[in-house]
Structures are given as C-alpha cells and as structure tokens.
Amino acid sequence: MSNEPSIFSRIIAREIPADVVFESDSIIAITDIAPKAPVHVLVIPKTESYSNVTELAAGDPALLAEMVGVAQRIATEKSNGEFRLVFNTGASAGQSVFHVHAHVLSGALTEGSLAD
C-alpha cells in the first residue's frame, strides 16, 4: 500500500473536485464519476484508518453503522428508498482504492462491473 493519500483523502481535503451530496464530521458522500446505475453514490469515511469494510467492522462498528444510515438517507432523497449497498474488498473483488467506501446504487445497473 502507498504512503500517498488516497484519491478519497484528496477529495476530502478538497484537493480534487467532486460532487458532494452529503457531508458530516466523519463521512463524505460523492456522486460516482463512472456510474453503474441511475443513482450511484460513494459513501466514504473521512478516516484513512481502514482499507476495507472488514477492517472497519472490527475497528469501528459505529462508523460502519453511520455509513449505512447515510446510504439509506441518500437512497430516500434520490430514489424510492430502496438500494443496493456494495463494498468491494480486495483487488480481485474489484477494489482499487484501499480506503473503505460503500457504493449506494439504485435503479437498473448499467453494463460493466462495480470495480472502483
């Protein structure tokens, strides 16, 4: 793993622009730049302490629960409240940014994988 900040850390620091749809002290949610569904938002904790959801669940279950709550809020605001919540864990599962994040998807999936 690199010592460089992840793209998400750079977005959180406002070094890279993003369409922010939600922000709190601990979480930011942004529109995915390559959407796989009509609603495709990334929910990202502001901490770099966890590279994947299993580390987050073990280390800070309250933050994981907060992420799920934010996902529900986004789905309620942007669609009918129904959604898929996807965490890619590991390179072979499609994870390319090793800063834990969730994909909130609603509506029909488009062609392609959910790799990020």
Protein backbone atom coordinates (compact mmCIF):
# COMPACT_ATOMS: atom_id res chain seq x y z
CA MET A 1 0.00 0.00 0.00
CA SER A 2 1.23 3.50 -0.82
CA ASN A 3 2.06 6.18 1.73
CA GLU A 4 0.43 8.71 -0.59
CA PRO A 5 -3.08 9.88 0.36
CA SER A 6 -5.85 8.01 -1.45
CA ILE A 7 -7.94 9.79 -4.06
CA PHE A 8 -10.71 9.89 -1.44
CA SER A 9 -8.44 11.60 1.09
CA ARG A 10 -7.56 14.13 -1.58
CA ILE A 11 -11.28 14.71 -2.29
CA ILE A 12 -11.95 15.12 1.45
CA ALA A 13 -9.10 17.67 1.60
CA ARG A 14 -10.68 19.45 -1.40
CA GLU A 15 -7.54 18.89 -3.49
CA ILE A 16 -9.68 17.12 -6.13
CA PRO A 17 -13.18 18.37 -7.00
CA ALA A 18 -16.19 16.11 -6.53
CA ASP A 19 -19.98 16.35 -6.49
CA VAL A 20 -20.57 16.18 -2.72
CA VAL A 21 -24.11 15.03 -1.91
CA PHE A 22 -23.64 14.64 1.86
CA GLU A 23 -21.04 15.60 4.43
CA SER A 24 -20.69 15.31 8.19
CA ASP A 25 -17.72 15.44 10.54
CA SER A 26 -16.97 11.77 9.86
CA ILE A 27 -18.39 10.94 6.40
CA ILE A 28 -18.49 12.37 2.91
CA ALA A 29 -20.70 11.08 0.08
CA ILE A 30 -19.98 11.86 -3.55
CA THR A 31 -21.50 11.04 -6.91
CA ASP A 32 -19.51 8.29 -8.65
CA ILE A 33 -17.75 9.64 -11.76
CA ALA A 34 -18.46 6.39 -13.65
CA PRO A 35 -21.99 5.50 -12.52
CA LYS A 36 -23.21 1.91 -12.85
CA ALA A 37 -26.84 2.80 -12.01
CA PRO A 38 -29.10 5.88 -12.19
CA VAL A 39 -28.15 6.58 -8.56
CA HIS A 40 -24.52 5.72 -7.79
CA VAL A 41 -23.04 7.47 -4.78
CA LEU A 42 -19.91 6.62 -2.81
CA VAL A 43 -20.14 6.86 0.99
CA ILE A 44 -16.65 7.39 2.40
CA PRO A 45 -15.47 7.73 5.99
CA LYS A 46 -13.08 10.64 6.41
CA THR A 47 -10.59 8.47 8.29
CA GLU A 48 -7.86 6.65 6.37
CA SER A 49 -7.56 4.06 9.17
CA TYR A 50 -9.47 1.29 7.37
CA SER A 51 -8.76 -0.06 3.92
CA ASN A 52 -11.86 -2.26 3.67
CA VAL A 53 -15.21 -3.00 5.29
CA THR A 54 -13.99 -5.93 7.38
CA GLU A 55 -11.32 -3.75 8.99
CA LEU A 56 -13.94 -1.05 9.61
CA ALA A 57 -16.42 -3.50 11.12
CA ALA A 58 -13.77 -4.79 13.53
CA GLY A 59 -12.28 -1.40 14.34
CA ASP A 60 -15.25 1.00 14.41
CA PRO A 61 -18.66 -0.67 14.06
CA ALA A 62 -20.40 2.61 14.95
CA LEU A 63 -18.83 4.29 11.92
CA LEU A 64 -19.95 1.40 9.71
CA ALA A 65 -23.49 1.80 11.08
CA GLU A 66 -23.29 5.52 10.35
CA MET A 67 -22.28 4.75 6.76
CA VAL A 68 -25.32 2.50 6.35
CA GLY A 69 -27.54 5.26 7.76
CA VAL A 70 -26.10 7.76 5.28
CA ALA A 71 -26.70 5.27 2.47
CA GLN A 72 -30.36 5.00 3.50
CA ARG A 73 -30.69 8.78 3.65
CA ILE A 74 -29.21 9.16 0.15
CA ALA A 75 -31.50 6.47 -1.27
CA THR A 76 -34.51 8.12 0.33
CA GLU A 77 -33.55 11.51 -1.13
CA LYS A 78 -32.54 10.30 -4.60
CA SER A 79 -34.84 7.37 -5.25
CA ASN A 80 -37.62 5.40 -3.61
CA GLY A 81 -35.53 4.46 -0.57
CA GLU A 82 -34.62 1.08 -1.99
CA PHE A 83 -30.96 0.50 -2.78
CA ARG A 84 -28.02 -1.86 -3.06
CA LEU A 85 -25.04 -1.29 -0.80
CA VAL A 86 -21.78 -2.71 -2.19
CA PHE A 87 -18.38 -2.89 -0.52
CA ASN A 88 -15.58 -4.24 -2.72
CA THR A 89 -12.96 -5.90 -0.52
CA GLY A 90 -9.66 -6.83 -2.14
CA ALA A 91 -8.19 -6.28 -5.58
CA SER A 92 -9.63 -9.49 -7.04
CA ALA A 93 -13.09 -8.35 -5.90
CA GLY A 94 -12.74 -5.08 -7.81
CA GLN A 95 -11.35 -2.81 -5.08
CA SER A 96 -8.81 -0.38 -6.49
CA VAL A 97 -8.98 2.37 -3.85
CA PHE A 98 -7.91 0.95 -0.49
CA HIS A 99 -9.77 3.50 1.62
CA VAL A 100 -13.00 1.86 2.76
CA HIS A 101 -16.09 3.09 0.92
CA ALA A 102 -19.55 1.90 0.01
CA HIS A 103 -21.35 2.12 -3.31
CA VAL A 104 -25.01 3.14 -2.96
CA LEU A 105 -26.84 2.04 -6.10
CA SER A 106 -30.47 2.43 -7.03
CA GLY A 107 -32.21 1.72 -10.29
CA ALA A 108 -31.11 -0.63 -13.04
CA LEU A 109 -27.40 -1.43 -13.22
CA THR A 110 -25.63 -0.43 -16.41
CA GLU A 111 -23.11 -2.57 -18.28
CA GLY A 112 -19.81 -3.25 -16.53
CA SER A 113 -18.59 -4.23 -13.12
CA LEU A 114 -18.69 -2.37 -9.83
CA ALA A 115 -14.93 -2.12 -9.72
CA ASP A 116 -13.67 1.18 -8.41
